[in-house]
């Protein structure tokens, strides 16, 4: 597992308009916008303005498909896969977790994104140069953990979680919270987590 504060290999600081311009279709290019949060007028306005400055206007010579995970990171893989099925020319990711989900969904469509927030650590599992899983943590919370369905059952999820725990220990921190999803309780239970509240919030009871 490789720890990456900034996933340069996914596109780094490439600006959205440049990639969009380079991927024009015969008609208006279709751009996918992927965010782990809810619709944010400020973020969308800034994105649309950056496109407009290079001659692209939504609804005129470019079409945009928005996908929001509504603060549920486990929804990102499905939303990214949906954009791939829509055959977008490029996927604009609002953050690193979104970029990793998009990169796991396609090896063909360009993915561009902004760098991770300060203090957010990411680990990536790769096979044959392709991203097959990822995990991230910040402060005391496991923010995301995903393994591509084709690679599940091989211990990749456990390895990613262990990498996060080891990294936290080196930083004198403890990961004790995870927002689980239906069907994943058994997996987290094997790693010492218990359900303690609504929305499947779990806490780790065994830090050894």
N, C-alpha and C. Protein backbone atom coordinates (compact mmCIF):
# COMPACT_ATOMS: atom_id res chain seq x y z
N UNK A 1 0.84 -1.19 0.00
CA UNK A 1 0.00 0.00 0.00
C UNK A 1 0.88 1.25 0.00
N UNK A 2 0.52 2.20 -0.76
CA UNK A 2 1.31 3.41 -0.86
C UNK A 2 0.54 4.59 -0.28
N UNK A 3 1.17 5.30 0.64
CA UNK A 3 0.54 6.44 1.27
C UNK A 3 0.76 7.66 0.40
N UNK A 4 -0.31 8.40 0.14
CA UNK A 4 -0.18 9.55 -0.73
C UNK A 4 -0.98 10.72 -0.17
N UNK A 5 -0.29 11.78 0.21
CA UNK A 5 -0.98 12.98 0.63
C UNK A 5 -1.59 13.67 -0.58
N UNK A 6 -0.94 13.50 -1.74
CA UNK A 6 -1.40 14.14 -2.97
C UNK A 6 -1.21 13.16 -4.10
N UNK A 7 -2.29 12.77 -4.73
CA UNK A 7 -2.23 11.73 -5.75
C UNK A 7 -1.90 12.34 -7.10
N UNK A 8 -0.63 12.64 -7.32
CA UNK A 8 -0.23 13.32 -8.56
C UNK A 8 -0.51 12.47 -9.78
N UNK A 9 -0.47 11.17 -9.63
CA UNK A 9 -0.66 10.29 -10.78
C UNK A 9 -2.04 10.32 -11.36
N UNK A 10 -3.00 10.94 -10.67
CA UNK A 10 -4.36 10.98 -11.18
C UNK A 10 -4.66 12.27 -11.93
N UNK A 11 -3.68 13.09 -12.10
CA UNK A 11 -3.94 14.30 -12.86
C UNK A 11 -3.40 15.54 -12.20
N UNK A 12 -3.17 15.45 -10.90
CA UNK A 12 -2.54 16.54 -10.18
C UNK A 12 -3.19 17.88 -10.37
N UNK A 13 -2.39 18.87 -10.71
CA UNK A 13 -2.89 20.24 -10.76
C UNK A 13 -3.40 20.65 -12.13
N UNK A 14 -3.62 19.69 -13.02
CA UNK A 14 -4.14 20.04 -14.35
C UNK A 14 -5.46 20.75 -14.18
N UNK A 15 -5.64 21.87 -14.84
CA UNK A 15 -6.87 22.63 -14.68
C UNK A 15 -8.02 21.98 -15.42
N UNK A 16 -9.21 22.14 -14.89
CA UNK A 16 -10.39 21.52 -15.49
C UNK A 16 -10.61 21.97 -16.93
N UNK A 17 -10.57 23.29 -17.23
CA UNK A 17 -10.86 23.73 -18.59
C UNK A 17 -9.93 23.13 -19.64
N UNK A 18 -8.64 22.98 -19.32
CA UNK A 18 -7.68 22.46 -20.29
C UNK A 18 -8.06 21.04 -20.69
N UNK A 19 -8.40 20.21 -19.71
CA UNK A 19 -8.76 18.83 -20.01
C UNK A 19 -10.07 18.80 -20.77
N UNK A 20 -11.02 19.64 -20.36
CA UNK A 20 -12.31 19.66 -21.04
C UNK A 20 -12.14 20.04 -22.50
N UNK A 21 -11.30 21.02 -22.76
CA UNK A 21 -11.08 21.48 -24.13
C UNK A 21 -10.46 20.38 -24.97
N UNK A 22 -9.60 19.59 -24.37
CA UNK A 22 -8.90 18.55 -25.13
C UNK A 22 -9.74 17.32 -25.39
N UNK A 23 -10.99 17.28 -24.84
CA UNK A 23 -11.81 16.09 -24.98
C UNK A 23 -13.14 16.39 -25.65
N UNK A 24 -13.16 17.29 -26.61
CA UNK A 24 -14.41 17.65 -27.26
C UNK A 24 -14.97 16.50 -28.08
N UNK A 25 -16.30 16.39 -28.04
CA UNK A 25 -17.00 15.43 -28.88
C UNK A 25 -17.43 16.14 -30.16
N UNK A 26 -18.09 15.41 -31.06
CA UNK A 26 -18.59 16.03 -32.27
C UNK A 26 -19.59 17.12 -31.91
N UNK A 27 -20.43 16.86 -30.91
CA UNK A 27 -21.36 17.86 -30.43
C UNK A 27 -20.76 18.49 -29.17
N UNK A 28 -21.60 19.00 -28.28
CA UNK A 28 -21.10 19.59 -27.04
C UNK A 28 -20.48 18.50 -26.17
N UNK A 29 -19.28 18.72 -25.66
CA UNK A 29 -18.64 17.71 -24.81
C UNK A 29 -19.43 17.51 -23.52
N UNK A 30 -19.42 16.28 -23.03
CA UNK A 30 -20.13 15.93 -21.80
C UNK A 30 -19.10 15.75 -20.68
N UNK A 31 -19.25 16.54 -19.63
CA UNK A 31 -18.32 16.50 -18.50
C UNK A 31 -19.05 15.96 -17.28
N UNK A 32 -18.39 15.06 -16.56
CA UNK A 32 -18.95 14.54 -15.32
C UNK A 32 -18.34 15.25 -14.12
N UNK A 33 -19.18 15.67 -13.19
CA UNK A 33 -18.71 16.35 -11.97
C UNK A 33 -19.08 15.47 -10.79
N UNK A 34 -18.08 15.02 -10.02
CA UNK A 34 -18.29 14.08 -8.93
C UNK A 34 -17.88 14.70 -7.60
N UNK A 35 -18.80 14.69 -6.62
CA UNK A 35 -18.52 15.27 -5.32
C UNK A 35 -19.06 14.36 -4.22
N UNK A 36 -18.33 14.26 -3.13
CA UNK A 36 -18.77 13.46 -1.99
C UNK A 36 -19.78 14.21 -1.14
N UNK A 37 -19.94 15.49 -1.40
CA UNK A 37 -20.83 16.31 -0.58
C UNK A 37 -22.16 16.57 -1.29
N UNK A 38 -22.95 17.46 -0.69
CA UNK A 38 -24.21 17.86 -1.30
C UNK A 38 -23.93 18.97 -2.30
N UNK A 39 -24.94 19.29 -3.10
CA UNK A 39 -24.78 20.36 -4.08
C UNK A 39 -24.36 21.65 -3.38
N UNK A 40 -23.28 22.23 -3.85
CA UNK A 40 -22.72 23.44 -3.25
C UNK A 40 -22.67 24.53 -4.32
N UNK A 41 -23.51 25.54 -4.15
CA UNK A 41 -23.62 26.58 -5.17
C UNK A 41 -22.28 27.29 -5.39
N UNK A 42 -21.53 27.51 -4.31
CA UNK A 42 -20.25 28.21 -4.43
C UNK A 42 -19.27 27.42 -5.28
N UNK A 43 -19.16 26.11 -5.01
CA UNK A 43 -18.22 25.27 -5.74
C UNK A 43 -18.62 25.16 -7.21
N UNK A 44 -19.91 24.95 -7.46
CA UNK A 44 -20.40 24.83 -8.83
C UNK A 44 -20.19 26.13 -9.60
N UNK A 45 -20.47 27.26 -8.93
CA UNK A 45 -20.30 28.56 -9.59
C UNK A 45 -18.85 28.77 -10.00
N UNK A 46 -17.91 28.40 -9.11
CA UNK A 46 -16.49 28.55 -9.41
C UNK A 46 -16.09 27.66 -10.58
N UNK A 47 -16.62 26.44 -10.60
CA UNK A 47 -16.33 25.49 -11.68
C UNK A 47 -16.84 26.01 -13.01
N UNK A 48 -18.09 26.48 -13.02
CA UNK A 48 -18.69 26.99 -14.25
C UNK A 48 -17.96 28.23 -14.75
N UNK A 49 -17.49 29.07 -13.81
CA UNK A 49 -16.77 30.27 -14.19
C UNK A 49 -15.44 29.92 -14.83
N UNK A 50 -14.76 28.88 -14.28
CA UNK A 50 -13.47 28.46 -14.85
C UNK A 50 -13.65 27.94 -16.27
N UNK A 51 -14.78 27.27 -16.54
CA UNK A 51 -15.06 26.82 -17.90
C UNK A 51 -15.38 28.00 -18.82
N UNK A 52 -16.15 28.93 -18.28
CA UNK A 52 -16.56 30.09 -19.08
C UNK A 52 -15.36 30.91 -19.52
N UNK A 53 -14.35 30.98 -18.67
CA UNK A 53 -13.16 31.77 -18.99
C UNK A 53 -12.39 31.19 -20.17
N UNK A 54 -12.63 29.93 -20.49
CA UNK A 54 -11.97 29.31 -21.64
C UNK A 54 -12.93 29.12 -22.82
N UNK A 55 -14.11 29.74 -22.72
CA UNK A 55 -15.03 29.70 -23.84
C UNK A 55 -16.13 28.67 -23.78
N UNK A 56 -16.24 27.96 -22.65
CA UNK A 56 -17.28 26.94 -22.52
C UNK A 56 -18.39 27.45 -21.61
N UNK A 57 -19.63 27.32 -22.07
CA UNK A 57 -20.79 27.76 -21.29
C UNK A 57 -21.76 26.59 -21.17
N UNK A 58 -22.05 26.20 -19.93
CA UNK A 58 -22.95 25.08 -19.69
C UNK A 58 -24.30 25.32 -20.35
N UNK A 59 -24.78 24.31 -21.08
CA UNK A 59 -26.05 24.43 -21.75
C UNK A 59 -25.95 24.98 -23.16
N UNK A 60 -24.77 25.50 -23.51
CA UNK A 60 -24.56 26.04 -24.86
C UNK A 60 -23.59 25.18 -25.66
N UNK A 61 -22.34 25.14 -25.22
CA UNK A 61 -21.37 24.33 -25.95
C UNK A 61 -20.69 23.28 -25.05
N UNK A 62 -21.27 23.03 -23.89
CA UNK A 62 -20.80 21.96 -23.02
C UNK A 62 -21.97 21.51 -22.14
N UNK A 63 -22.03 20.22 -21.88
CA UNK A 63 -23.07 19.65 -21.02
C UNK A 63 -22.41 19.02 -19.80
N UNK A 64 -23.00 19.21 -18.63
CA UNK A 64 -22.40 18.71 -17.39
C UNK A 64 -23.37 17.79 -16.67
N UNK A 65 -22.85 16.63 -16.26
CA UNK A 65 -23.61 15.68 -15.45
C UNK A 65 -23.06 15.75 -14.03
N UNK A 66 -23.91 16.14 -13.08
CA UNK A 66 -23.49 16.26 -11.69
C UNK A 66 -23.87 15.01 -10.90
N UNK A 67 -22.96 14.55 -10.04
CA UNK A 67 -23.24 13.43 -9.16
C UNK A 67 -22.74 13.79 -7.76
N UNK A 68 -23.66 13.71 -6.78
CA UNK A 68 -23.33 14.07 -5.40
C UNK A 68 -23.59 12.87 -4.49
N UNK A 69 -22.63 12.59 -3.60
CA UNK A 69 -22.76 11.46 -2.68
C UNK A 69 -23.47 11.83 -1.39
N UNK A 70 -23.79 13.11 -1.23
CA UNK A 70 -24.52 13.58 -0.04
C UNK A 70 -23.82 13.15 1.26
N UNK A 71 -22.48 13.33 1.29
CA UNK A 71 -21.66 13.02 2.46
C UNK A 71 -21.62 11.53 2.81
N UNK A 72 -21.96 10.68 1.85
CA UNK A 72 -21.87 9.23 2.03
C UNK A 72 -20.80 8.70 1.08
N UNK A 73 -19.58 8.60 1.60
CA UNK A 73 -18.46 8.23 0.75
C UNK A 73 -18.61 6.88 0.08
N UNK A 74 -19.36 5.98 0.70
CA UNK A 74 -19.53 4.65 0.10
C UNK A 74 -20.33 4.70 -1.19
N UNK A 75 -20.97 5.83 -1.47
CA UNK A 75 -21.74 5.97 -2.72
C UNK A 75 -20.86 6.38 -3.90
N UNK A 76 -19.66 6.85 -3.63
CA UNK A 76 -18.80 7.38 -4.70
C UNK A 76 -18.51 6.36 -5.81
N UNK A 77 -18.16 5.11 -5.49
CA UNK A 77 -17.87 4.16 -6.58
C UNK A 77 -19.04 4.00 -7.55
N UNK A 78 -20.27 3.88 -7.03
CA UNK A 78 -21.43 3.71 -7.89
C UNK A 78 -21.69 4.96 -8.73
N UNK A 79 -21.50 6.13 -8.12
CA UNK A 79 -21.71 7.38 -8.85
C UNK A 79 -20.66 7.55 -9.95
N UNK A 80 -19.41 7.17 -9.63
CA UNK A 80 -18.35 7.25 -10.64
C UNK A 80 -18.64 6.30 -11.79
N UNK A 81 -19.09 5.09 -11.46
CA UNK A 81 -19.41 4.10 -12.49
C UNK A 81 -20.56 4.60 -13.38
N UNK A 82 -21.49 5.32 -12.78
CA UNK A 82 -22.60 5.86 -13.55
C UNK A 82 -22.12 6.89 -14.56
N UNK A 83 -21.17 7.72 -14.15
CA UNK A 83 -20.61 8.70 -15.08
C UNK A 83 -19.86 8.02 -16.22
N UNK A 84 -19.18 6.93 -15.91
CA UNK A 84 -18.48 6.17 -16.95
C UNK A 84 -19.48 5.61 -17.96
N UNK A 85 -20.59 5.09 -17.45
CA UNK A 85 -21.63 4.57 -18.35
C UNK A 85 -22.23 5.66 -19.22
N UNK A 86 -22.21 6.87 -18.70
CA UNK A 86 -22.72 8.01 -19.48
C UNK A 86 -21.74 8.45 -20.56
N UNK A 87 -20.54 7.85 -20.56
CA UNK A 87 -19.52 8.13 -21.55
C UNK A 87 -19.11 9.61 -21.56
N UNK A 88 -18.86 10.13 -20.36
CA UNK A 88 -18.41 11.52 -20.27
C UNK A 88 -17.01 11.63 -20.85
N UNK A 89 -16.64 12.82 -21.30
CA UNK A 89 -15.32 13.03 -21.88
C UNK A 89 -14.26 13.15 -20.81
N UNK A 90 -14.65 13.64 -19.64
CA UNK A 90 -13.72 13.81 -18.53
C UNK A 90 -14.53 13.81 -17.24
N UNK A 91 -13.92 13.34 -16.16
CA UNK A 91 -14.56 13.38 -14.85
C UNK A 91 -13.82 14.39 -13.98
N UNK A 92 -14.53 15.39 -13.52
CA UNK A 92 -13.97 16.40 -12.62
C UNK A 92 -14.32 15.96 -11.20
N UNK A 93 -13.31 15.67 -10.40
CA UNK A 93 -13.51 15.21 -9.03
C UNK A 93 -13.28 16.37 -8.06
N UNK A 94 -14.19 16.51 -7.10
CA UNK A 94 -14.11 17.62 -6.15
C UNK A 94 -13.03 17.41 -5.09
N UNK A 95 -12.48 16.21 -5.00
CA UNK A 95 -11.44 15.92 -4.01
C UNK A 95 -10.72 14.64 -4.35
N UNK A 96 -9.79 14.24 -3.49
CA UNK A 96 -8.99 13.05 -3.77
C UNK A 96 -9.79 11.77 -3.65
N UNK A 97 -10.69 11.67 -2.66
CA UNK A 97 -11.52 10.47 -2.53
C UNK A 97 -12.37 10.27 -3.78
N UNK A 98 -12.90 11.37 -4.29
CA UNK A 98 -13.69 11.30 -5.51
C UNK A 98 -12.83 10.87 -6.69
N UNK A 99 -11.61 11.39 -6.76
CA UNK A 99 -10.70 11.05 -7.86
C UNK A 99 -10.33 9.57 -7.84
N UNK A 100 -10.09 9.04 -6.65
CA UNK A 100 -9.74 7.62 -6.53
C UNK A 100 -10.91 6.74 -6.95
N UNK A 101 -12.12 7.13 -6.57
CA UNK A 101 -13.30 6.37 -6.98
C UNK A 101 -13.45 6.39 -8.50
N UNK A 102 -13.22 7.55 -9.09
CA UNK A 102 -13.33 7.68 -10.54
C UNK A 102 -12.24 6.87 -11.23
N UNK A 103 -11.02 6.93 -10.70
CA UNK A 103 -9.90 6.21 -11.31
C UNK A 103 -10.10 4.70 -11.22
N UNK A 104 -10.76 4.26 -10.15
CA UNK A 104 -11.04 2.83 -10.01
C UNK A 104 -12.13 2.39 -10.98
N UNK A 105 -12.95 3.33 -11.43
CA UNK A 105 -14.06 3.00 -12.33
C UNK A 105 -13.65 3.01 -13.79
N UNK A 106 -12.54 3.68 -14.13
CA UNK A 106 -12.15 3.77 -15.54
C UNK A 106 -10.64 3.94 -15.68
N UNK A 107 -10.09 3.36 -16.72
CA UNK A 107 -8.69 3.57 -17.05
C UNK A 107 -8.56 4.35 -18.36
N UNK A 108 -9.69 4.76 -18.90
CA UNK A 108 -9.71 5.43 -20.20
C UNK A 108 -10.07 6.90 -20.08
N UNK A 109 -11.12 7.21 -19.31
CA UNK A 109 -11.59 8.58 -19.19
C UNK A 109 -10.67 9.39 -18.28
N UNK A 110 -10.20 10.55 -18.71
CA UNK A 110 -9.33 11.38 -17.87
C UNK A 110 -10.05 11.81 -16.59
N UNK A 111 -9.29 11.86 -15.49
CA UNK A 111 -9.82 12.29 -14.20
C UNK A 111 -8.97 13.44 -13.71
N UNK A 112 -9.59 14.55 -13.38
CA UNK A 112 -8.86 15.70 -12.84
C UNK A 112 -9.48 16.07 -11.51
N UNK A 113 -8.65 16.63 -10.61
CA UNK A 113 -9.13 16.87 -9.26
C UNK A 113 -8.26 17.88 -8.55
N UNK A 114 -8.71 18.25 -7.38
CA UNK A 114 -7.94 19.13 -6.51
C UNK A 114 -7.24 18.30 -5.45
N UNK A 115 -6.17 18.82 -4.89
CA UNK A 115 -5.38 18.09 -3.90
C UNK A 115 -6.17 17.82 -2.64
N UNK A 116 -5.73 16.83 -1.87
CA UNK A 116 -6.38 16.50 -0.61
C UNK A 116 -6.25 17.63 0.39
N UNK A 117 -7.19 17.66 1.32
CA UNK A 117 -7.12 18.66 2.37
C UNK A 117 -5.97 18.32 3.32
N UNK A 118 -5.47 19.34 3.97
CA UNK A 118 -4.34 19.15 4.89
C UNK A 118 -4.71 18.15 5.98
N UNK A 119 -3.79 17.23 6.24
CA UNK A 119 -4.00 16.27 7.31
C UNK A 119 -4.73 15.01 6.87
N UNK A 120 -5.19 14.96 5.64
CA UNK A 120 -5.93 13.80 5.15
C UNK A 120 -4.94 12.84 4.48
N UNK A 121 -4.88 11.60 4.96
CA UNK A 121 -3.94 10.62 4.44
C UNK A 121 -4.67 9.58 3.61
N UNK A 122 -4.08 9.21 2.47
CA UNK A 122 -4.69 8.25 1.56
C UNK A 122 -3.73 7.10 1.30
N UNK A 123 -4.31 5.92 1.15
CA UNK A 123 -3.56 4.75 0.74
C UNK A 123 -4.23 4.15 -0.49
N UNK A 124 -3.43 3.69 -1.42
CA UNK A 124 -3.95 3.16 -2.68
C UNK A 124 -3.44 1.74 -2.89
N UNK A 125 -4.34 0.85 -3.29
CA UNK A 125 -3.96 -0.51 -3.67
C UNK A 125 -4.01 -0.60 -5.19
N UNK A 126 -2.93 -1.07 -5.78
CA UNK A 126 -2.86 -1.16 -7.23
C UNK A 126 -2.51 -2.58 -7.68
N UNK A 127 -3.01 -2.94 -8.83
CA UNK A 127 -2.63 -4.21 -9.46
C UNK A 127 -2.51 -3.97 -10.95
N UNK A 128 -1.35 -4.28 -11.48
CA UNK A 128 -1.12 -4.06 -12.91
C UNK A 128 -1.23 -2.61 -13.31
N UNK A 129 -0.92 -1.71 -12.39
CA UNK A 129 -0.98 -0.29 -12.68
C UNK A 129 -2.36 0.31 -12.54
N UNK A 130 -3.36 -0.49 -12.19
CA UNK A 130 -4.73 0.01 -12.04
C UNK A 130 -5.08 0.11 -10.56
N UNK A 131 -5.83 1.14 -10.19
CA UNK A 131 -6.29 1.30 -8.82
C UNK A 131 -7.41 0.30 -8.56
N UNK A 132 -7.23 -0.57 -7.57
CA UNK A 132 -8.25 -1.56 -7.24
C UNK A 132 -8.86 -1.32 -5.87
N UNK A 133 -8.30 -0.38 -5.12
CA UNK A 133 -8.85 -0.07 -3.81
C UNK A 133 -8.18 1.14 -3.21
N UNK A 134 -8.83 1.74 -2.23
CA UNK A 134 -8.24 2.89 -1.55
C UNK A 134 -8.85 3.06 -0.17
N UNK A 135 -8.15 3.77 0.67
CA UNK A 135 -8.65 4.08 2.01
C UNK A 135 -8.07 5.42 2.43
N UNK A 136 -8.79 6.12 3.29
CA UNK A 136 -8.29 7.41 3.79
C UNK A 136 -8.72 7.61 5.23
N UNK A 137 -7.94 8.38 5.96
CA UNK A 137 -8.29 8.69 7.34
C UNK A 137 -7.82 10.10 7.68
N UNK A 138 -8.46 10.68 8.69
CA UNK A 138 -8.10 12.01 9.17
C UNK A 138 -8.52 12.13 10.63
N UNK A 139 -7.63 12.68 11.45
CA UNK A 139 -7.87 12.81 12.89
C UNK A 139 -8.17 11.44 13.48
N UNK A 140 -9.42 11.17 13.94
CA UNK A 140 -9.71 9.87 14.56
C UNK A 140 -10.70 9.05 13.75
N UNK A 141 -10.89 9.44 12.48
CA UNK A 141 -11.94 8.79 11.68
C UNK A 141 -11.41 8.17 10.40
N UNK A 142 -11.88 6.95 10.12
CA UNK A 142 -11.63 6.31 8.83
C UNK A 142 -12.65 6.90 7.87
N UNK A 143 -12.19 7.71 6.92
CA UNK A 143 -13.09 8.45 6.06
C UNK A 143 -13.65 7.60 4.92
N UNK A 144 -12.81 6.74 4.37
CA UNK A 144 -13.27 5.92 3.25
C UNK A 144 -12.47 4.64 3.16
N UNK A 145 -13.10 3.60 2.64
CA UNK A 145 -12.43 2.33 2.36
C UNK A 145 -13.23 1.65 1.26
N UNK A 146 -12.57 1.42 0.13
CA UNK A 146 -13.25 0.82 -1.02
C UNK A 146 -12.32 -0.16 -1.71
N UNK A 147 -12.89 -1.29 -2.10
CA UNK A 147 -12.18 -2.28 -2.90
C UNK A 147 -13.08 -2.63 -4.08
N UNK A 148 -12.52 -2.58 -5.28
CA UNK A 148 -13.30 -2.90 -6.48
C UNK A 148 -13.89 -4.30 -6.33
N UNK A 149 -15.18 -4.46 -6.69
CA UNK A 149 -15.83 -5.77 -6.53
C UNK A 149 -15.06 -6.94 -7.13
N UNK A 150 -14.36 -6.73 -8.23
CA UNK A 150 -13.61 -7.81 -8.86
C UNK A 150 -12.40 -8.26 -8.04
N UNK A 151 -12.03 -7.46 -7.05
CA UNK A 151 -10.84 -7.77 -6.26
C UNK A 151 -11.16 -7.97 -4.78
N UNK A 152 -12.43 -8.07 -4.44
CA UNK A 152 -12.81 -8.31 -3.06
C UNK A 152 -12.55 -9.75 -2.67
N UNK A 153 -12.40 -10.00 -1.37
CA UNK A 153 -12.14 -11.34 -0.88
C UNK A 153 -10.69 -11.76 -0.96
N UNK A 154 -9.79 -10.81 -1.25
CA UNK A 154 -8.37 -11.12 -1.36
C UNK A 154 -7.54 -10.50 -0.24
N UNK A 155 -8.22 -9.92 0.74
CA UNK A 155 -7.51 -9.31 1.86
C UNK A 155 -7.06 -7.89 1.61
N UNK A 156 -7.48 -7.30 0.49
CA UNK A 156 -7.05 -5.93 0.17
C UNK A 156 -7.65 -4.93 1.15
N UNK A 157 -8.94 -5.11 1.48
CA UNK A 157 -9.58 -4.20 2.42
C UNK A 157 -8.90 -4.22 3.78
N UNK A 158 -8.57 -5.41 4.27
CA UNK A 158 -7.90 -5.54 5.55
C UNK A 158 -6.51 -4.91 5.52
N UNK A 159 -5.82 -5.10 4.40
CA UNK A 159 -4.48 -4.51 4.25
C UNK A 159 -4.55 -2.99 4.24
N UNK A 160 -5.55 -2.44 3.56
CA UNK A 160 -5.70 -0.98 3.53
C UNK A 160 -6.03 -0.44 4.92
N UNK A 161 -6.92 -1.14 5.63
CA UNK A 161 -7.27 -0.70 6.97
C UNK A 161 -6.05 -0.76 7.89
N UNK A 162 -5.29 -1.82 7.81
CA UNK A 162 -4.09 -1.96 8.63
C UNK A 162 -3.09 -0.85 8.32
N UNK A 163 -2.98 -0.50 7.05
CA UNK A 163 -2.06 0.58 6.66
C UNK A 163 -2.48 1.89 7.30
N UNK A 164 -3.78 2.14 7.34
CA UNK A 164 -4.28 3.36 7.98
C UNK A 164 -3.99 3.35 9.47
N UNK A 165 -4.24 2.21 10.13
CA UNK A 165 -3.99 2.11 11.56
C UNK A 165 -2.51 2.31 11.88
N UNK A 166 -1.65 1.69 11.08
CA UNK A 166 -0.21 1.82 11.30
C UNK A 166 0.24 3.26 11.11
N UNK A 167 -0.31 3.92 10.10
CA UNK A 167 0.05 5.31 9.84
C UNK A 167 -0.40 6.19 11.00
N UNK A 168 -1.61 5.93 11.51
CA UNK A 168 -2.12 6.71 12.64
C UNK A 168 -1.23 6.52 13.87
N UNK A 169 -0.79 5.29 14.10
CA UNK A 169 0.06 5.01 15.25
C UNK A 169 1.38 5.75 15.15
N UNK A 170 1.94 5.82 13.93
CA UNK A 170 3.19 6.54 13.74
C UNK A 170 3.02 8.03 14.02
N UNK A 171 1.80 8.52 13.86
CA UNK A 171 1.52 9.93 14.10
C UNK A 171 0.97 10.18 15.51
N UNK A 172 1.04 9.14 16.33
CA UNK A 172 0.52 9.22 17.70
C UNK A 172 -0.97 9.55 17.71
N UNK A 173 -1.70 8.96 16.77
CA UNK A 173 -3.15 9.15 16.69
C UNK A 173 -3.82 7.78 16.75
N UNK A 174 -5.13 7.78 16.95
CA UNK A 174 -5.90 6.55 17.03
C UNK A 174 -7.16 6.67 16.20
N UNK A 175 -7.35 5.76 15.26
CA UNK A 175 -8.57 5.74 14.47
C UNK A 175 -9.61 4.95 15.25
N UNK A 176 -10.66 5.63 15.68
CA UNK A 176 -11.66 4.98 16.52
C UNK A 176 -13.07 5.07 15.96
N UNK A 177 -13.26 5.80 14.87
CA UNK A 177 -14.60 6.00 14.31
C UNK A 177 -14.62 5.67 12.83
N UNK A 178 -15.69 5.04 12.42
CA UNK A 178 -15.91 4.78 11.00
C UNK A 178 -17.41 4.84 10.74
N UNK A 179 -17.80 5.42 9.61
CA UNK A 179 -19.20 5.46 9.23
C UNK A 179 -19.44 4.26 8.31
N UNK A 180 -19.95 3.21 8.87
CA UNK A 180 -20.11 1.96 8.12
C UNK A 180 -21.29 2.04 7.16
N UNK A 181 -21.42 1.01 6.34
CA UNK A 181 -22.54 0.90 5.41
C UNK A 181 -23.19 -0.45 5.63
N UNK A 182 -24.45 -0.55 5.20
CA UNK A 182 -25.14 -1.82 5.33
C UNK A 182 -24.38 -2.92 4.60
N UNK A 183 -24.23 -4.03 5.29
CA UNK A 183 -23.53 -5.15 4.69
C UNK A 183 -22.06 -5.22 5.05
N UNK A 184 -21.53 -4.14 5.65
CA UNK A 184 -20.10 -4.10 5.99
C UNK A 184 -19.85 -4.27 7.48
N UNK A 185 -20.92 -4.46 8.27
CA UNK A 185 -20.76 -4.56 9.71
C UNK A 185 -19.84 -5.72 10.12
N UNK A 186 -19.98 -6.85 9.44
CA UNK A 186 -19.15 -8.01 9.76
C UNK A 186 -17.68 -7.72 9.51
N UNK A 187 -17.40 -7.04 8.40
CA UNK A 187 -16.01 -6.71 8.07
C UNK A 187 -15.40 -5.84 9.15
N UNK A 188 -16.12 -4.76 9.53
CA UNK A 188 -15.59 -3.87 10.55
C UNK A 188 -15.54 -4.54 11.91
N UNK A 189 -16.48 -5.45 12.18
CA UNK A 189 -16.46 -6.18 13.44
C UNK A 189 -15.21 -7.00 13.60
N UNK A 190 -14.72 -7.57 12.49
CA UNK A 190 -13.49 -8.36 12.55
C UNK A 190 -12.28 -7.50 12.90
N UNK A 191 -12.42 -6.20 12.71
CA UNK A 191 -11.32 -5.28 13.01
C UNK A 191 -11.55 -4.50 14.30
N UNK A 192 -12.46 -4.99 15.14
CA UNK A 192 -12.63 -4.43 16.47
C UNK A 192 -13.61 -3.29 16.58
N UNK A 193 -14.50 -3.11 15.61
CA UNK A 193 -15.47 -2.02 15.67
C UNK A 193 -16.83 -2.54 16.15
N UNK A 194 -17.56 -1.67 16.84
CA UNK A 194 -18.91 -1.98 17.29
C UNK A 194 -19.84 -0.84 16.89
N UNK A 195 -21.09 -1.18 16.55
CA UNK A 195 -22.07 -0.14 16.25
C UNK A 195 -22.47 0.54 17.55
N UNK A 196 -22.39 1.86 17.58
CA UNK A 196 -22.68 2.59 18.82
C UNK A 196 -23.74 3.67 18.63
N UNK A 197 -24.20 3.90 17.40
CA UNK A 197 -25.18 4.96 17.21
C UNK A 197 -25.90 4.83 15.89
N UNK A 198 -26.72 5.82 15.56
CA UNK A 198 -27.48 5.80 14.31
C UNK A 198 -26.57 5.97 13.10
N UNK A 199 -27.13 5.78 11.93
CA UNK A 199 -26.41 5.93 10.66
C UNK A 199 -25.21 4.99 10.58
N UNK A 200 -25.27 3.92 11.39
CA UNK A 200 -24.21 2.90 11.37
C UNK A 200 -22.85 3.48 11.72
N UNK A 201 -22.83 4.48 12.62
CA UNK A 201 -21.54 4.94 13.13
C UNK A 201 -20.96 3.81 13.98
N UNK A 202 -19.69 3.55 13.81
CA UNK A 202 -19.06 2.50 14.58
C UNK A 202 -17.82 3.04 15.28
N UNK A 203 -17.49 2.43 16.40
CA UNK A 203 -16.29 2.82 17.13
C UNK A 203 -15.46 1.59 17.38
N UNK A 204 -14.17 1.78 17.38
CA UNK A 204 -13.27 0.65 17.59
C UNK A 204 -13.05 0.46 19.08
N UNK A 205 -13.33 -0.76 19.54
CA UNK A 205 -13.23 -1.05 20.97
C UNK A 205 -11.94 -1.70 21.35
N UNK A 206 -11.15 -2.15 20.36
CA UNK A 206 -9.91 -2.84 20.64
C UNK A 206 -8.80 -2.18 19.83
N UNK A 207 -7.91 -1.45 20.48
CA UNK A 207 -6.86 -0.72 19.80
C UNK A 207 -5.54 -1.48 19.79
N UNK A 208 -5.55 -2.72 20.21
CA UNK A 208 -4.30 -3.49 20.24
C UNK A 208 -3.97 -4.03 18.88
